Protein backbone atom coordinates (compact mmCIF):
# COMPACT_ATOMS: atom_id res chain seq x y z
CA MET A 1 27.34 -10.29 17.18
CA LYS A 2 29.00 -12.25 20.13
CA ASN A 3 27.41 -14.08 22.56
CA THR A 4 26.98 -12.51 26.28
CA ILE A 5 26.64 -15.63 28.96
CA PHE A 6 25.45 -15.06 32.16
CA LEU A 7 26.47 -17.17 34.78
CA MET A 8 24.84 -16.17 38.01
CA SER A 9 26.00 -17.01 41.58
CA ALA A 10 23.20 -16.50 44.01
CA SER A 11 24.58 -13.29 45.20
CA MET A 12 24.79 -11.69 41.75
CA VAL A 13 21.10 -12.44 41.07
CA MET A 14 19.49 -11.74 44.64
CA GLY A 15 22.44 -9.34 46.39
CA THR A 16 21.27 -5.55 46.15
CA ALA A 17 23.35 -2.26 48.12
CA GLY A 18 25.94 -4.96 49.14
CA MET A 19 23.73 -7.38 50.85
CA ALA A 20 24.03 -10.88 49.64
CA VAL A 21 20.86 -12.97 50.10
CA GLN A 22 21.59 -16.75 50.52
CA PRO A 23 20.04 -19.67 48.19
CA SER A 24 18.93 -21.50 51.43
CA MET A 25 17.59 -17.82 53.05
CA ILE A 26 15.13 -18.40 49.77
CA PHE A 27 14.45 -21.77 49.29
CA ALA A 28 14.98 -23.21 52.57
CA GLN A 29 11.38 -21.88 53.35
CA GLU A 30 8.37 -24.27 54.22
CA GLU A 31 6.72 -24.02 50.53
CA PRO A 32 3.26 -23.00 50.60
CA ALA A 33 0.43 -24.46 49.43
CA ASP A 34 -0.58 -21.83 46.52
CA PHE A 35 1.07 -19.46 44.33
CA ASP A 36 -0.42 -16.29 46.27
CA SER A 37 0.85 -17.34 49.67
CA GLU A 38 4.03 -17.97 48.21
CA THR A 39 4.31 -14.38 46.60
CA ALA A 40 3.25 -13.03 50.34
CA LEU A 41 6.06 -15.29 51.92
CA LEU A 42 8.66 -13.71 49.40
CA GLU A 43 7.62 -10.53 50.08
CA GLN A 44 7.42 -10.50 53.74
CA TYR A 45 10.96 -11.90 54.11
CA LEU A 46 12.22 -9.53 51.51
CA LEU A 47 10.75 -6.51 53.57
CA GLU A 48 11.97 -8.08 56.84
CA GLU A 49 15.33 -7.81 56.05
CA GLY A 50 14.88 -4.06 54.73
CA MET A 51 14.66 -4.75 51.02
CA ASP A 52 12.32 -3.93 48.68
CA PRO A 53 10.56 -6.94 46.91
CA THR A 54 9.32 -4.68 44.08
CA PRO A 55 12.80 -5.03 41.38
CA PHE A 56 13.23 -8.53 42.17
CA ARG A 57 10.66 -9.64 39.70
CA ASN A 58 12.62 -8.16 36.89
CA GLY A 59 13.74 -11.30 35.83
CA THR A 60 17.22 -11.71 33.66
CA ASP A 61 17.62 -10.41 30.51
CA VAL A 62 19.78 -12.31 28.26
CA LYS A 63 21.46 -11.31 25.07
CA CYS A 64 21.29 -14.09 22.24
CA SER A 65 23.25 -14.47 18.89
CA LEU A 66 21.02 -14.14 15.76
CA THR A 67 22.10 -14.87 12.33
CA ILE A 68 19.68 -13.79 9.53
CA ASP A 69 20.68 -14.49 5.86
CA THR A 70 18.37 -14.87 2.69
CA LYS A 71 17.96 -17.97 0.42
CA ALA A 72 17.43 -17.63 -3.34
CA ASP A 73 16.13 -20.70 -4.66
CA GLY A 74 17.34 -22.87 -1.63
CA VAL A 75 21.25 -20.90 -1.92
CA VAL A 76 22.19 -18.53 0.52
CA THR A 77 22.98 -15.05 -0.99
CA SER A 78 22.88 -11.70 -0.17
CA THR A 79 22.95 -10.27 -3.65
CA LEU A 80 19.72 -11.56 -6.41
CA LEU A 81 21.41 -11.46 -9.75
CA TYR A 82 18.60 -11.35 -12.63
CA GLN A 83 18.61 -14.57 -14.73
CA PRO A 84 17.17 -14.12 -18.09
CA GLY A 85 14.14 -16.24 -19.06
CA LYS A 86 13.25 -17.26 -15.51
CA GLU A 87 9.51 -16.42 -14.48
CA MET A 88 10.10 -15.73 -10.87
CA THR A 89 12.50 -16.70 -7.53
CA GLN A 90 11.57 -18.14 -4.67
CA ILE A 91 13.26 -16.41 -1.51
CA GLN A 92 13.48 -17.76 2.12
CA ILE A 93 14.08 -15.74 5.19
CA GLY A 94 15.43 -17.57 8.59
CA GLY A 95 18.96 -18.49 10.32
CA ASP A 96 20.04 -19.60 13.27
CA LEU A 97 18.69 -18.41 16.61
CA ASN A 98 22.04 -18.83 18.97
CA MET A 99 19.64 -19.99 22.79
CA LYS A 100 22.63 -21.51 25.07
CA ASN A 101 22.24 -18.32 27.18
CA VAL A 102 19.15 -19.25 27.67
CA TRP A 103 19.62 -22.60 28.73
CA ASN A 104 22.35 -21.53 31.15
CA ASN A 105 20.73 -19.21 33.27
CA TYR A 106 17.76 -22.06 33.51
CA VAL A 107 20.24 -24.46 34.43
CA THR A 108 21.82 -22.18 36.87
CA PHE A 109 17.98 -21.86 38.56
CA ARG A 110 17.34 -25.24 38.86
CA THR A 111 21.42 -25.92 40.34
CA MET A 112 20.34 -22.87 43.06
CA TYR A 113 16.77 -24.41 43.88
CA THR A 114 18.15 -28.10 43.92
CA LEU A 115 20.92 -27.29 46.68
CA THR A 116 18.18 -26.46 49.40
CA HIS A 117 15.22 -28.88 47.81
CA SER A 118 15.13 -32.28 46.29
CA LYS A 119 15.19 -33.11 42.59
CA GLU A 120 11.89 -34.33 42.50
CA GLU A 121 10.65 -31.16 44.64
CA PHE A 122 12.16 -29.68 41.38
CA TYR A 123 10.32 -32.12 39.40
CA THR A 124 6.81 -30.67 40.21
CA LYS A 125 7.52 -27.13 38.74
CA SER A 126 6.61 -26.17 35.41
CA LEU A 127 7.31 -23.05 32.94
CA THR A 128 5.34 -21.00 31.01
CA ALA A 129 6.94 -19.45 27.74
CA SER A 130 6.82 -17.86 24.06
CA TYR A 131 8.94 -16.28 21.96
CA ALA A 132 7.90 -13.68 18.86
CA TYR A 133 10.29 -13.70 15.66
CA THR A 134 9.93 -10.40 13.13
CA PHE A 135 11.49 -9.41 9.89
CA GLN A 136 10.54 -6.97 7.14
CA VAL A 137 10.44 -7.84 3.85
CA ASN A 138 9.73 -5.03 0.67
CA PRO A 139 6.51 -4.88 -0.78
CA ASP A 140 7.03 -3.18 -3.95
CA ILE A 141 9.66 -6.24 -5.14
CA VAL A 142 8.21 -9.25 -2.77
CA SER A 143 5.19 -11.19 -3.52
CA VAL A 144 3.96 -12.96 -0.85
CA ASN A 145 1.59 -16.38 -0.73
CA GLU A 146 -0.61 -15.21 2.39
CA ASP A 147 -2.43 -18.65 2.57
CA ILE A 148 1.24 -20.63 3.66
CA LEU A 149 3.02 -17.37 5.37
CA CYS A 150 0.17 -16.98 7.41
CA SER A 151 -0.22 -20.00 8.44
CA THR A 152 0.91 -22.11 11.58
CA ASP A 153 0.84 -25.15 10.48
CA ALA A 154 3.20 -24.48 7.83
CA TRP A 155 5.79 -22.52 10.54
CA GLN A 156 5.11 -25.92 12.95
CA GLU A 157 5.95 -27.83 10.15
CA VAL A 158 8.93 -26.20 9.06
CA PHE A 159 10.84 -25.14 12.67
CA ALA A 160 10.19 -28.52 13.37
CA GLU A 161 11.60 -30.28 10.59
CA SER A 162 14.74 -28.10 10.52
CA ASN A 163 15.34 -28.77 14.25
CA LYS A 164 14.29 -32.72 14.53
CA GLU A 165 17.75 -33.95 15.43
CA ASN A 166 18.81 -31.18 18.21
CA GLY A 167 15.17 -29.71 18.91
CA ALA A 168 12.72 -32.50 18.32
CA GLY A 169 11.48 -32.58 21.94
CA PHE A 170 11.51 -28.66 21.93
CA PHE A 171 9.34 -28.43 19.15
CA LYS A 172 6.83 -31.23 20.80
CA PHE A 173 5.57 -28.76 23.00
CA MET A 174 6.59 -25.43 21.41
CA LYS A 175 3.67 -24.70 18.95
CA CYS A 176 3.54 -21.63 16.81
CA THR A 177 0.21 -20.01 17.53
CA GLU A 178 0.69 -16.70 15.23
CA ALA A 179 1.54 -15.84 11.67
CA SER A 180 0.70 -12.81 10.70
CA TYR A 181 1.80 -10.26 7.38
CA ASP A 182 1.36 -6.43 6.99
CA ALA A 183 1.02 -6.09 3.45
CA ALA A 184 1.26 -1.93 3.46
CA THR A 185 4.70 -2.20 5.61
CA GLY A 186 6.20 -5.63 4.66
CA VAL A 187 6.39 -7.00 8.65
CA VAL A 188 6.17 -10.53 9.44
CA THR A 189 5.65 -11.81 12.80
CA VAL A 190 5.56 -15.37 13.69
CA ARG A 191 5.11 -16.42 17.50
CA PHE A 192 5.66 -19.53 19.16
CA THR A 193 4.24 -20.75 22.76
CA ILE A 194 4.70 -23.44 24.91
CA ASP A 195 1.49 -25.77 25.23
CA GLU A 196 2.60 -29.13 26.44
CA ASN A 197 -0.99 -31.53 26.06
CA GLY A 198 -2.71 -28.46 26.18
CA THR A 199 -1.81 -26.59 29.88
CA GLY A 200 -0.22 -23.75 28.30
CA LYS A 201 2.77 -24.63 29.99
CA VAL A 202 5.43 -27.54 30.08
CA SER A 203 6.40 -28.96 33.44
CA THR A 204 10.15 -29.16 33.89
CA ARG A 205 10.77 -32.91 34.39
CA THR A 206 10.03 -33.11 30.46
CA LEU A 207 13.12 -30.62 30.43
CA GLU A 208 15.03 -33.21 32.11
CA ASN A 209 13.98 -36.25 30.75
CA ASP A 210 14.97 -35.13 27.23
CA LYS A 211 18.07 -32.89 26.29
CA THR A 212 16.39 -32.14 22.78
CA THR A 213 14.07 -30.17 24.66
CA ARG A 214 16.66 -27.61 25.46
CA PRO A 215 18.37 -26.65 21.97
CA ALA A 216 21.62 -24.74 22.16
CA ASN A 217 20.59 -23.67 18.48
CA ILE A 218 16.98 -23.11 16.64
CA HIS A 219 17.85 -23.14 12.80
CA ALA A 220 14.76 -22.64 10.43
CA TYR A 221 13.68 -20.72 7.80
CA SER A 222 10.29 -19.55 6.41
CA PRO A 223 8.14 -22.53 4.91
CA GLU A 224 8.48 -22.66 1.06
CA GLY A 225 6.40 -21.19 -1.54
CA ALA A 226 5.59 -17.90 1.31
CA PHE A 227 8.12 -15.37 -0.87
CA PHE A 228 8.92 -14.76 -4.29
CA ILE A 229 9.98 -12.04 -6.35
CA LYS A 230 8.67 -11.79 -10.33
CA ASN A 231 10.85 -11.12 -13.07
CA GLU A 232 8.58 -7.87 -13.39
CA ASP A 233 9.23 -6.22 -10.03
CA PHE A 234 12.87 -6.82 -10.53
CA LYS A 235 14.51 -3.56 -9.47
CA LYS A 236 17.96 -2.92 -10.25
CA GLY A 237 19.72 -1.50 -6.82
CA GLY A 238 16.17 -2.54 -4.93
CA GLN A 239 16.45 -4.06 -1.35
CA ALA A 240 14.09 -7.31 -1.16
CA VAL A 241 14.68 -7.88 2.23
CA LEU A 242 14.82 -4.98 4.39
CA GLU A 243 16.91 -4.50 7.51
CA THR A 244 16.03 -5.33 10.93
CA ALA A 245 14.89 -8.50 12.30
CA THR A 246 14.19 -9.25 16.04
CA PHE A 247 13.87 -12.43 18.03
CA LYS A 248 12.11 -11.74 21.54
CA GLY A 249 10.90 -13.99 24.05
CA GLN A 250 10.29 -14.79 27.81
CA ILE A 251 10.24 -18.15 29.98
CA ASP A 252 8.80 -17.98 33.86
CA LEU A 253 8.10 -20.28 36.60
CA ASP A 254 4.98 -21.23 37.15
CA PRO A 255 4.15 -20.58 40.23
CA TRP A 256 7.21 -18.13 40.36
CA MET A 257 9.14 -18.73 43.83
CA ALA A 258 12.77 -17.31 42.37
CA LEU A 259 14.54 -14.29 41.89
CA VAL A 260 15.82 -15.21 38.66
CA PHE A 261 12.67 -15.41 37.10
CA PRO A 262 11.77 -14.74 34.41
CA ILE A 263 14.26 -14.83 32.04
CA ARG A 264 13.84 -12.47 28.87
CA PHE A 265 15.57 -13.16 26.06
CA GLU A 266 16.41 -10.51 22.93
CA GLY A 267 18.36 -11.29 19.32
CA VAL A 268 18.61 -8.32 17.26
CA ILE A 269 20.66 -7.97 14.33
CA VAL A 270 20.87 -5.15 11.61
CA GLN A 271 20.88 -7.49 8.51
CA THR A 272 21.94 -6.75 4.88
CA GLY A 273 18.82 -8.32 3.52
CA MET A 274 18.99 -8.84 -0.35
CA ASN A 275 19.46 -7.11 -2.79
CA LEU A 276 18.91 -6.85 -6.57
CA ASP A 277 21.36 -6.66 -9.46
CA VAL A 278 21.61 -7.26 -12.80
CA PRO A 279 24.69 -9.01 -14.43
CA ALA A 280 27.79 -6.52 -15.83
CA GLY A 281 27.57 -5.64 -19.13
CA THR A 282 27.25 -2.15 -20.89
CA VAL A 283 25.05 -0.49 -23.73
CA ALA A 284 26.68 0.65 -26.47
CA PHE A 285 25.25 3.61 -28.11
CA ASN A 286 26.37 4.17 -31.66
CA ILE A 287 25.57 7.49 -33.02
CA GLU A 288 26.48 8.00 -36.24
CA ASN A 289 25.73 10.65 -39.24
CA GLY A 290 26.10 13.59 -37.30
CA THR A 291 28.27 16.89 -37.00
CA TRP A 292 29.49 17.23 -33.37
CA SER A 293 30.36 20.74 -31.60
CA ASP A 294 34.05 20.38 -32.68
CA GLY A 295 33.12 20.27 -36.33
CA THR A 296 34.01 16.10 -36.34
CA THR A 297 31.64 13.94 -37.86
CA ASP A 298 32.92 10.44 -37.05
CA THR A 299 30.44 7.89 -35.60
CA LYS A 300 30.47 8.78 -31.56
CA THR A 301 29.96 5.33 -29.56
CA VAL A 302 28.65 6.52 -25.91
CA LEU A 303 28.88 3.62 -23.14
CA ILE A 304 26.85 3.15 -20.56
CA ASP A 305 26.34 0.80 -17.69
CA MET A 306 23.81 -1.90 -18.28
CA ASP A 307 20.42 -1.44 -16.38
CA MET A 308 17.17 -3.39 -17.39
CA VAL A 309 14.24 -2.10 -17.87
CA ASN A 310 10.39 -4.89 -17.65
CA LYS A 311 8.21 -4.88 -21.16
CA ASP A 312 5.51 -7.21 -21.89
CA GLY A 313 7.13 -9.73 -19.80
CA GLN A 314 10.05 -9.44 -21.73
CA SER A 315 13.66 -7.76 -20.46
CA PHE A 316 15.44 -5.77 -22.06
CA ALA A 317 18.88 -3.47 -21.70
CA ALA A 318 18.59 0.18 -20.75
CA GLY A 319 20.55 3.26 -20.80
CA THR A 320 19.94 6.79 -20.90
CA LEU A 321 21.39 9.47 -23.24
CA LEU A 322 21.72 12.87 -22.51
CA ASN A 323 20.26 15.74 -24.91
CA ASP A 324 23.68 16.69 -25.45
CA HIS A 325 24.45 13.52 -27.23
CA ILE A 326 21.91 14.35 -30.47
CA PRO A 327 24.38 15.77 -32.98
CA CYS A 328 24.43 19.26 -33.70
CA GLY A 329 21.92 20.24 -36.96
CA MET A 330 20.42 16.37 -36.95
CA LYS A 331 17.34 14.72 -36.03
CA ALA A 332 17.10 11.39 -35.10
CA ALA A 333 15.57 8.89 -37.30
CA GLU A 334 15.20 6.19 -34.72
CA GLY A 335 14.94 6.67 -30.98
CA PHE A 336 14.39 10.57 -30.19
CA ASP A 337 10.96 12.66 -29.77
CA GLN A 338 10.87 15.78 -32.22
CA ALA A 339 8.60 17.36 -29.70
CA SER A 340 9.87 16.90 -26.02
CA GLY A 341 13.79 17.43 -27.36
CA LYS A 342 14.44 14.26 -25.67
CA TRP A 343 15.60 10.35 -25.87
CA THR A 344 12.23 8.41 -26.01
CA THR A 345 11.76 5.91 -22.96
CA GLU A 346 9.93 3.67 -25.69
CA LEU A 347 12.11 0.69 -26.67
CA ASN A 348 12.08 -0.07 -30.41
CA LEU A 349 12.43 -3.65 -30.71
CA ASP A 350 13.75 -3.36 -34.24
CA GLU A 351 16.30 -1.02 -33.53
CA ASN A 352 17.03 -1.87 -29.59
CA GLY A 353 16.50 -5.61 -29.61
CA THR A 354 16.71 -7.89 -26.87
CA VAL A 355 19.74 -8.31 -24.23
CA LEU A 356 18.65 -9.93 -21.18
CA ALA A 357 17.67 -12.66 -23.67
CA PRO A 358 17.45 -16.36 -22.57
CA GLU A 359 20.46 -16.75 -24.63
CA GLY A 360 22.41 -14.80 -21.66
CA GLU A 361 23.41 -12.26 -23.87
CA LEU A 362 25.08 -9.17 -21.67
CA SER A 363 26.17 -6.52 -23.80
CA ALA A 364 24.35 -4.79 -26.70
CA SER A 365 24.97 -2.12 -29.13
CA TYR A 366 22.40 0.35 -30.30
CA THR A 367 22.92 2.65 -33.49
CA TYR A 368 20.88 5.74 -33.47
CA SER A 369 21.15 7.04 -37.20
CA PHE A 370 20.79 10.63 -37.97
CA ASP A 371 19.61 12.63 -41.15
CA LYS A 372 20.53 16.39 -41.75
CA ILE A 373 18.24 19.05 -41.16
CA GLU A 374 18.02 21.01 -44.35
CA GLU A 375 19.38 24.89 -43.48
CA PRO A 376 16.80 27.70 -44.44
CA GLY A 377 17.77 28.57 -48.15
CA ASP A 378 17.90 24.67 -49.15
CA ASP A 379 14.82 23.63 -51.86
CA ASP A 380 12.77 26.31 -51.89
CA ASN A 381 13.83 27.62 -48.57
CA ASP A 382 11.91 24.65 -47.05
CA VAL A 383 13.06 23.57 -43.48
CA ASP A 384 12.47 20.02 -41.70
CA ASN A 385 11.27 20.59 -38.97
CA GLY A 386 10.76 17.20 -37.30
CA GLY A 387 8.69 14.85 -39.83
CA GLY A 388 5.44 17.11 -40.72
CA ASP A 389 3.78 18.41 -43.78
CA ASP A 390 3.95 22.05 -42.60
CA THR A 391 6.54 23.99 -43.62
CA ILE A 392 8.49 27.43 -42.30
CA GLU A 393 9.90 30.61 -43.48
CA PRO A 394 12.43 31.75 -41.31
CA ASP A 395 11.61 35.72 -41.72
CA LYS A 396 7.97 34.97 -40.38
CA VAL A 397 8.78 35.35 -36.78
CA VAL A 398 6.99 36.85 -33.40
CA GLU A 399 8.82 38.10 -30.92
CA LEU A 400 8.27 37.11 -27.21
CA HIS A 401 8.16 39.56 -24.83
CA ARG A 402 9.25 38.85 -20.54
CA LEU A 403 7.55 40.57 -17.52
CA TYR A 404 8.03 39.88 -13.98
CA ASN A 405 5.75 40.33 -11.05
CA PRO A 406 7.82 41.69 -7.91
CA ASN A 407 4.47 40.27 -5.72
CA SER A 408 5.04 36.77 -6.69
CA GLY A 409 8.25 36.47 -8.22
CA GLU A 410 6.89 35.22 -11.52
CA HIS A 411 8.44 35.98 -14.72
CA LEU A 412 5.95 35.67 -17.29
CA PHE A 413 6.28 35.09 -21.22
CA THR A 414 3.90 36.27 -24.35
CA ILE A 415 3.52 37.08 -27.94
CA ASP A 416 0.03 38.90 -26.94
CA VAL A 417 1.35 42.82 -26.70
CA ARG A 418 -2.10 43.57 -25.40
CA GLU A 419 -1.48 41.23 -22.36
CA LYS A 420 1.91 42.54 -22.05
CA ASP A 421 0.65 46.20 -21.98
CA PHE A 422 -1.82 45.32 -19.64
CA LEU A 423 0.36 43.64 -17.28
CA ASP A 424 3.14 46.27 -17.29
CA GLU A 425 0.23 48.89 -16.48
CA ASN A 426 -0.88 46.85 -13.68
CA GLY A 427 2.73 46.47 -11.56
CA TRP A 428 4.31 43.77 -13.50
CA ASP A 429 7.72 45.17 -14.68
CA TYR A 430 8.64 44.90 -18.21
CA GLU A 431 11.92 43.24 -19.08
CA GLY A 432 11.89 43.26 -22.93
CA VAL A 433 12.01 41.28 -25.34
CA SER A 434 13.33 37.71 -24.41
CA TRP A 435 13.95 36.30 -28.13
CA THR A 436 11.57 35.21 -30.77
CA ALA A 437 9.58 32.25 -32.42
CA PRO A 438 8.27 31.20 -35.46
CA GLU A 439 5.19 32.34 -36.49
CA ILE A 440 4.13 28.74 -37.12
CA SER A 441 5.27 25.19 -36.90
CA ASP A 442 4.20 21.23 -35.91
CA LEU A 443 6.03 21.91 -32.20
CA PRO A 444 3.33 24.41 -30.40
CA VAL A 445 3.98 25.61 -27.11
CA TYR A 446 1.50 24.77 -24.67
CA ARG A 447 0.55 27.40 -21.55
CA VAL A 448 -1.47 26.10 -18.61
CA TYR A 449 -2.24 28.22 -15.31
CA ASN A 450 -2.38 27.25 -11.49
CA PRO A 451 -5.42 29.22 -10.31
CA ASN A 452 -3.98 28.51 -6.90
CA ASN A 453 -1.05 30.33 -6.48
CA GLY A 454 -1.34 32.47 -9.65
CA ASP A 455 1.61 30.34 -11.64
CA HIS A 456 1.99 30.45 -15.36
CA HIS A 457 3.53 27.13 -17.21
CA TYR A 458 5.11 26.37 -20.30
CA THR A 459 5.62 23.02 -21.99
CA LEU A 460 6.16 21.35 -25.58
CA ASP A 461 5.09 17.90 -24.10
CA GLU A 462 1.58 17.91 -24.99
CA ARG A 463 0.90 14.74 -22.32
CA GLU A 464 2.36 17.11 -19.75
CA ALA A 465 0.24 19.74 -20.36
CA ALA A 466 -2.85 16.69 -20.08
CA VAL A 467 -1.12 15.94 -16.68
CA LEU A 468 -1.54 19.28 -15.27
CA THR A 469 -4.75 20.23 -16.29
CA SER A 470 -6.13 17.22 -14.77
CA ILE A 471 -5.00 18.24 -11.42
CA GLY A 472 -6.71 21.45 -11.46
CA TRP A 473 -4.52 23.83 -13.67
CA GLU A 474 -6.36 25.45 -16.55
CA TYR A 475 -5.33 25.26 -19.95
CA GLU A 476 -4.70 28.31 -21.69
CA GLY A 477 -4.03 27.12 -25.11
CA ILE A 478 -0.81 27.36 -27.61
CA ALA A 479 1.45 29.96 -26.37
CA TRP A 480 3.72 30.28 -29.60
CA TYR A 481 5.54 27.62 -31.30
CA SER A 482 9.23 25.97 -31.22
CA ASN A 483 11.70 25.62 -34.14
CA ALA A 484 12.59 22.40 -35.31
CA HIS A 485 14.94 20.14 -32.69
CA GLY A 486 18.59 22.06 -33.90
CA GLN A 487 17.77 24.86 -35.57
CA GLY A 488 18.11 28.29 -33.87
CA THR A 489 18.79 29.02 -30.38
CA PRO A 490 18.03 26.98 -27.55
CA VAL A 491 15.70 27.81 -24.55
CA TYR A 492 16.73 25.84 -21.04
CA ARG A 493 14.37 25.44 -18.35
CA THR A 494 15.40 25.26 -14.78
CA TYR A 495 12.69 23.91 -11.75
CA ASN A 496 13.70 25.40 -8.35
CA PRO A 497 12.70 22.95 -5.40
CA ASN A 498 11.59 25.11 -2.46
CA ALA A 499 9.48 27.27 -4.70
CA ASN A 500 5.90 26.99 -2.60
CA GLN A 501 4.44 29.69 -5.13
CA ALA A 502 4.30 30.88 -8.80
CA GLY A 503 7.87 30.96 -10.51
CA SER A 504 9.03 27.33 -10.25
CA HIS A 505 9.95 26.82 -13.45
CA HIS A 506 12.15 29.60 -15.30
CA PHE A 507 12.68 29.52 -19.35
CA THR A 508 16.27 31.50 -20.94
CA GLN A 509 18.36 31.91 -23.79
CA SER A 510 21.46 32.84 -21.69
CA ARG A 511 23.51 29.78 -20.34
CA LYS A 512 25.26 32.45 -18.43
CA GLU A 513 21.84 32.80 -16.75
CA THR A 514 21.15 29.46 -16.29
CA GLU A 515 24.23 28.09 -14.79
CA HIS A 516 23.67 31.18 -12.35
CA LEU A 517 20.23 29.44 -11.42
CA ILE A 518 21.43 25.68 -10.93
CA SER A 519 24.18 27.10 -8.47
CA LYS A 520 21.87 28.42 -6.22
CA GLY A 521 20.22 25.17 -5.84
CA TRP A 522 17.91 25.35 -8.91
CA LEU A 523 17.84 22.21 -10.88
CA GLY A 524 19.09 22.06 -14.54
CA GLU A 525 15.84 20.27 -16.95
CA GLY A 526 17.85 20.85 -20.22
CA ILE A 527 16.38 22.22 -23.33
CA ALA A 528 12.42 23.24 -23.35
CA TRP A 529 12.34 24.47 -26.97
CA TRP A 530 14.56 26.48 -29.85
CA SER A 531 13.93 29.88 -30.53
CA ALA A 532 13.85 31.12 -34.03
CA GLU A 533 16.81 33.11 -33.63
C-alpha cells in the first residue's frame, strides 16, 4: 500500500467554494478564555464570511501504510509446513505501521499556528488521541491463551519494547486500554489511548521536547504465548490467520481551535495471512492379486498427493482410493469395508505405517492385498460374500419392484408384492422389476422413512441408518440383501442436492440413467450395493 502524503497549505485546508481563509484570519484572533467561547468565536467568524462552520470540524483523513505478516516460532512466513514430532507452533501477528503522514499533518498545523502565535503559546495546548488495531485468526485452527492475549500490560510491554529506540517517548503516554478476543469469530481488538500522568491527554511541549514521541514507524507483534497451533488442529489447506487487518485512530486538539483537527488516520490491508500445508510427498497404493477390467493381473500402483491425518496424537499419510481401484472379482484382505463397498477411513497401522514420523519421512507405500472371491459352482457352490459364515445359493433370489409417485417424484423399491400392489392401486405408477436380490446374505440393505416429507431411503451402512433414525427418520427394518462386493451387478446411487422433498436419492443398475442424472446436476455417490444378477 503506497503512502499518501498530505502537505497542506492554508488555502488547501481552509478554502471552500473558491474562498481562501488565511491563517492570520483564524489564528490571530484574541484567544478566548475557555473552550466554549473559542468555539463560538470561530463559528461567528465563519458565518460573517458567509461560510457554514459545520464541515470544518470534519478534520483531516490520512492514509497510513500498514504491513501485516505472521511469525511462526519467531520467523516471518506466509506458509506453515507441518513438522513431524512437534507438539505445537507459536505464532505472532504484527508488522509495521507508517505514521509519517500523521505527523506531517501535525507539523503542518504547528507551523500554521506559530506563524501568528509564539511557540510558547503553542506549548500551552494539549492533544487527545487513540487508535484501535484489529485482526482475525481462525478459531478452528489457532488456540489462544486469553490470559496473555487479553492482558493490556502484555500488549503495552511488547509495543514499548519493540519501539524503544524510535518510539520510547510515544509509549510513555500512549497506553494500552483494551485487549479483547471474540472466540466465535476469532477477531482480536487492541486499543491504545493517550494518557500523560492521568490527564487523558498529552501536552504539545512533550511532543516537541522528545523526537521519540512522534515515531514515523510503529513496529510490533502480538505478545509471545498468546497464539499457537496444536498439531491435532493442523489442517492441510487451512488458513490460520484470516484476511483483513485494520488500524484506525484520531488525534485532536484540546481544546480545538483549528480547522485541520481532528486528524483521523487509517490503515487497512488485505493480508495473505498464514496458510497451512504439509511437505511435498506422495502416497503409493500398491494393489495386488487383482484382475482388472482389461483382463490384466499385474500389481497396480496408484500415486496420490500426500495429505495428513491426525490420530491419537500421531500423524499419518492419507490418500483416498476410489471404488474402481478395487480389482474385479476380488475382495480386499485389508483396508476395504465390504459392507459399505468403500475404502475404510480407519488406519491400519501395521499395514499402512507411519509417514510423518519424527524421522521425517515424506512419502509412503501401502499395499492392499486381495483374495479371490469364489465363483458360483466352486466348492459345493458356496460363495464367499465378505467374510461371514453364511453362504448364498445363487438360484435363491427375490424380485425387487420399482414404483413411482407422480405427486412427490419418489421412486420406491420393494420385494413385498402386497406393498407393490397396494401402492399401484393407490396412484403410484408400477415400473416393473428393477433387479433381483439374494434371498439372504451377510449384507442387509436397511430401509428408513422420513415422516416429514414421505421419503424412503435405503443403505448398506448400518451407521447411516442409525444416524437418520436418531434425527427423526423411522427405521423400517431390512428391505432386502446385497450380494458380496464384486459379485453380481452394481446398483448405483445418486443424490439430488436441490431436492427438498421425497426422492432426493435414486438407485439404478443403469449406468446410462446414472450418467443422465449426473449431467442434470445430481451427484454420483458410487455403488450402493450389488444385485444378484
